[in-house]
Every structure is written in C-alpha cells, then in structure tokens.
Amino acid sequence: MKIAELLNQSADPQWTLSKQAGVTHAVGRLPTKSNGEVSWDYMALLQMKKRFDDFGLKLEVLELAMRC
C-alpha cells in the first residue's frame, strides 16, 4: 500500500506535514501557465517532478486541474 496526498505544485507547509505523517507518494495537478491554463510542457512537468523528488516524495499521479 502506498500512502499518498494531493499536494500543490511547489513545496509548502502541507508538504512538510505530509512527510511528518509518513506520506511517501504524491498526487499532483498539472502545472499551470501564468494565464491559468494547464501546461503540458515537458520541461514544466520535469521541473515539478524534480521538486517532489528533491523533497523526498515520489510524484505518482497527475490530475487535471478542473475549472468550476
């Protein structure tokens, strides 16, 4: 079983709290551009994955950010 949490694209207090609670994997949302649109850019995805890796979390799932 993998313990995962839906986390923001960049490190914040929720990342720290999740790690303290034993979370090892993350669910993230696709990166967004400055205009709020979803970015499918390879480099943006790679940079986001690296942020999770550097923090010690494995980015396991990507969700599409939906607008309401």
N, C-alpha and C. Protein backbone atom coordinates (compact mmCIF):
# COMPACT_ATOMS: atom_id res chain seq x y z
N MET A 1 0.84 -1.16 0.00
CA MET A 1 0.00 0.00 0.00
C MET A 1 0.89 1.23 0.00
N LYS A 2 0.51 2.22 -0.80
CA LYS A 2 1.25 3.48 -0.86
C LYS A 2 0.41 4.56 -0.21
N ILE A 3 1.03 5.32 0.66
CA ILE A 3 0.34 6.44 1.30
C ILE A 3 0.66 7.69 0.51
N ALA A 4 -0.39 8.30 -0.05
CA ALA A 4 -0.20 9.48 -0.91
C ALA A 4 -1.12 10.60 -0.46
N GLU A 5 -0.79 11.80 -0.90
CA GLU A 5 -1.56 13.00 -0.59
C GLU A 5 -1.60 13.88 -1.82
N LEU A 6 -2.72 14.57 -2.04
CA LEU A 6 -2.83 15.56 -3.11
C LEU A 6 -2.12 16.82 -2.64
N LEU A 7 -1.05 17.20 -3.33
CA LEU A 7 -0.22 18.33 -2.91
C LEU A 7 -0.12 19.39 -4.00
N ASN A 8 0.18 20.60 -3.58
CA ASN A 8 0.40 21.70 -4.52
C ASN A 8 1.64 21.45 -5.36
N GLN A 9 1.82 22.27 -6.39
CA GLN A 9 2.93 22.10 -7.33
C GLN A 9 4.29 22.42 -6.72
N SER A 10 4.31 23.26 -5.71
CA SER A 10 5.57 23.66 -5.07
C SER A 10 5.48 23.41 -3.57
N ALA A 11 6.64 23.23 -2.96
CA ALA A 11 6.69 22.94 -1.52
C ALA A 11 5.98 24.02 -0.71
N ASP A 12 5.21 23.56 0.25
CA ASP A 12 4.51 24.45 1.18
C ASP A 12 4.37 23.70 2.50
N PRO A 13 3.75 24.30 3.51
CA PRO A 13 3.64 23.60 4.80
C PRO A 13 2.93 22.24 4.72
N GLN A 14 2.03 22.08 3.77
CA GLN A 14 1.34 20.79 3.63
C GLN A 14 2.32 19.69 3.23
N TRP A 15 3.32 20.02 2.43
CA TRP A 15 4.34 19.03 2.07
C TRP A 15 5.05 18.54 3.34
N THR A 16 5.46 19.48 4.17
CA THR A 16 6.18 19.13 5.41
C THR A 16 5.30 18.29 6.32
N LEU A 17 4.06 18.70 6.51
CA LEU A 17 3.14 17.97 7.37
C LEU A 17 2.90 16.56 6.82
N SER A 18 2.76 16.45 5.52
CA SER A 18 2.54 15.13 4.90
C SER A 18 3.73 14.21 5.14
N LYS A 19 4.94 14.74 4.96
CA LYS A 19 6.14 13.92 5.21
C LYS A 19 6.19 13.48 6.67
N GLN A 20 5.85 14.39 7.60
CA GLN A 20 5.87 14.05 9.01
C GLN A 20 4.84 12.96 9.34
N ALA A 21 3.75 12.92 8.57
CA ALA A 21 2.69 11.93 8.79
C ALA A 21 3.00 10.60 8.09
N GLY A 22 4.12 10.52 7.40
CA GLY A 22 4.52 9.27 6.77
C GLY A 22 4.16 9.13 5.31
N VAL A 23 3.70 10.20 4.69
CA VAL A 23 3.37 10.16 3.26
C VAL A 23 4.66 10.01 2.46
N THR A 24 4.65 9.09 1.50
CA THR A 24 5.84 8.84 0.68
C THR A 24 5.60 9.14 -0.80
N HIS A 25 4.34 9.23 -1.20
CA HIS A 25 3.98 9.45 -2.59
C HIS A 25 3.03 10.65 -2.69
N ALA A 26 3.02 11.27 -3.85
CA ALA A 26 2.19 12.46 -4.03
C ALA A 26 1.32 12.35 -5.27
N VAL A 27 0.17 12.97 -5.17
CA VAL A 27 -0.71 13.21 -6.30
C VAL A 27 -0.60 14.70 -6.57
N GLY A 28 -0.27 15.07 -7.79
CA GLY A 28 -0.12 16.48 -8.13
C GLY A 28 -1.07 16.87 -9.25
N ARG A 29 -1.25 18.15 -9.39
CA ARG A 29 -2.03 18.68 -10.51
C ARG A 29 -1.07 19.15 -11.58
N LEU A 30 -1.53 19.11 -12.82
CA LEU A 30 -0.69 19.58 -13.92
C LEU A 30 -0.28 21.02 -13.68
N PRO A 31 0.93 21.39 -14.05
CA PRO A 31 1.37 22.77 -13.89
C PRO A 31 0.49 23.72 -14.68
N THR A 32 0.41 24.95 -14.23
CA THR A 32 -0.36 25.97 -14.94
C THR A 32 0.55 27.09 -15.41
N LYS A 33 0.16 27.69 -16.51
CA LYS A 33 0.89 28.84 -17.04
C LYS A 33 0.48 30.08 -16.25
N SER A 34 1.15 31.19 -16.51
CA SER A 34 0.84 32.44 -15.80
C SER A 34 -0.59 32.90 -16.07
N ASN A 35 -1.18 32.49 -17.20
CA ASN A 35 -2.56 32.89 -17.51
C ASN A 35 -3.59 31.92 -16.92
N GLY A 36 -3.12 30.91 -16.16
CA GLY A 36 -4.02 29.97 -15.51
C GLY A 36 -4.34 28.73 -16.32
N GLU A 37 -3.89 28.67 -17.57
CA GLU A 37 -4.15 27.50 -18.40
C GLU A 37 -3.20 26.36 -18.02
N VAL A 38 -3.68 25.14 -18.20
CA VAL A 38 -2.86 23.96 -17.91
C VAL A 38 -1.71 23.89 -18.91
N SER A 39 -0.53 23.53 -18.40
CA SER A 39 0.66 23.41 -19.23
C SER A 39 1.02 21.94 -19.40
N TRP A 40 1.15 21.50 -20.64
CA TRP A 40 1.60 20.15 -20.94
C TRP A 40 3.07 20.17 -21.36
N ASP A 41 3.75 21.27 -21.10
CA ASP A 41 5.14 21.44 -21.48
C ASP A 41 6.03 20.44 -20.73
N TYR A 42 6.85 19.73 -21.46
CA TYR A 42 7.71 18.71 -20.87
C TYR A 42 8.60 19.28 -19.76
N MET A 43 9.21 20.42 -20.00
CA MET A 43 10.13 20.99 -19.00
C MET A 43 9.39 21.39 -17.73
N ALA A 44 8.19 21.91 -17.86
CA ALA A 44 7.40 22.28 -16.67
C ALA A 44 7.08 21.03 -15.85
N LEU A 45 6.72 19.94 -16.53
CA LEU A 45 6.44 18.68 -15.84
C LEU A 45 7.70 18.11 -15.18
N LEU A 46 8.80 18.16 -15.90
CA LEU A 46 10.07 17.65 -15.36
C LEU A 46 10.51 18.45 -14.13
N GLN A 47 10.37 19.77 -14.19
CA GLN A 47 10.75 20.61 -13.05
C GLN A 47 9.87 20.32 -11.83
N MET A 48 8.57 20.11 -12.07
CA MET A 48 7.67 19.80 -10.97
C MET A 48 8.06 18.46 -10.34
N LYS A 49 8.32 17.46 -11.18
CA LYS A 49 8.73 16.15 -10.68
C LYS A 49 10.01 16.26 -9.85
N LYS A 50 10.95 17.07 -10.32
CA LYS A 50 12.21 17.25 -9.60
C LYS A 50 11.98 17.90 -8.23
N ARG A 51 11.04 18.84 -8.13
CA ARG A 51 10.74 19.46 -6.83
C ARG A 51 10.26 18.40 -5.84
N PHE A 52 9.38 17.52 -6.31
CA PHE A 52 8.90 16.44 -5.43
C PHE A 52 10.06 15.51 -5.05
N ASP A 53 10.84 15.10 -6.03
CA ASP A 53 11.99 14.22 -5.77
C ASP A 53 12.94 14.83 -4.76
N ASP A 54 13.27 16.10 -4.95
CA ASP A 54 14.21 16.79 -4.06
C ASP A 54 13.69 16.85 -2.62
N PHE A 55 12.37 16.86 -2.47
CA PHE A 55 11.75 16.92 -1.15
C PHE A 55 11.60 15.53 -0.53
N GLY A 56 11.87 14.50 -1.32
CA GLY A 56 11.78 13.13 -0.82
C GLY A 56 10.41 12.49 -1.03
N LEU A 57 9.61 13.06 -1.93
CA LEU A 57 8.31 12.49 -2.26
C LEU A 57 8.32 12.00 -3.70
N LYS A 58 7.64 10.89 -3.95
CA LYS A 58 7.55 10.37 -5.31
C LYS A 58 6.23 10.83 -5.93
N LEU A 59 6.33 11.61 -6.99
CA LEU A 59 5.14 12.06 -7.70
C LEU A 59 4.60 10.88 -8.49
N GLU A 60 3.48 10.33 -8.04
CA GLU A 60 2.96 9.08 -8.57
C GLU A 60 1.80 9.29 -9.56
N VAL A 61 1.02 10.35 -9.36
CA VAL A 61 -0.19 10.58 -10.15
C VAL A 61 -0.29 12.06 -10.49
N LEU A 62 -0.76 12.34 -11.70
CA LEU A 62 -1.08 13.72 -12.10
C LEU A 62 -2.56 13.82 -12.36
N GLU A 63 -3.20 14.83 -11.77
CA GLU A 63 -4.60 15.10 -12.02
C GLU A 63 -4.71 16.34 -12.88
N LEU A 64 -5.72 16.37 -13.69
CA LEU A 64 -6.00 17.55 -14.50
C LEU A 64 -6.76 18.54 -13.62
N ALA A 65 -6.22 19.74 -13.48
CA ALA A 65 -6.89 20.77 -12.68
C ALA A 65 -8.15 21.21 -13.43
N MET A 66 -9.28 21.06 -12.81
CA MET A 66 -10.55 21.40 -13.45
C MET A 66 -11.04 22.75 -12.97
N ARG A 67 -11.54 23.53 -13.89
CA ARG A 67 -12.14 24.81 -13.52
C ARG A 67 -13.62 24.59 -13.23
N CYS A 68 -14.11 25.26 -12.23
CA CYS A 68 -15.55 25.13 -11.88
C CYS A 68 -16.37 26.20 -12.56
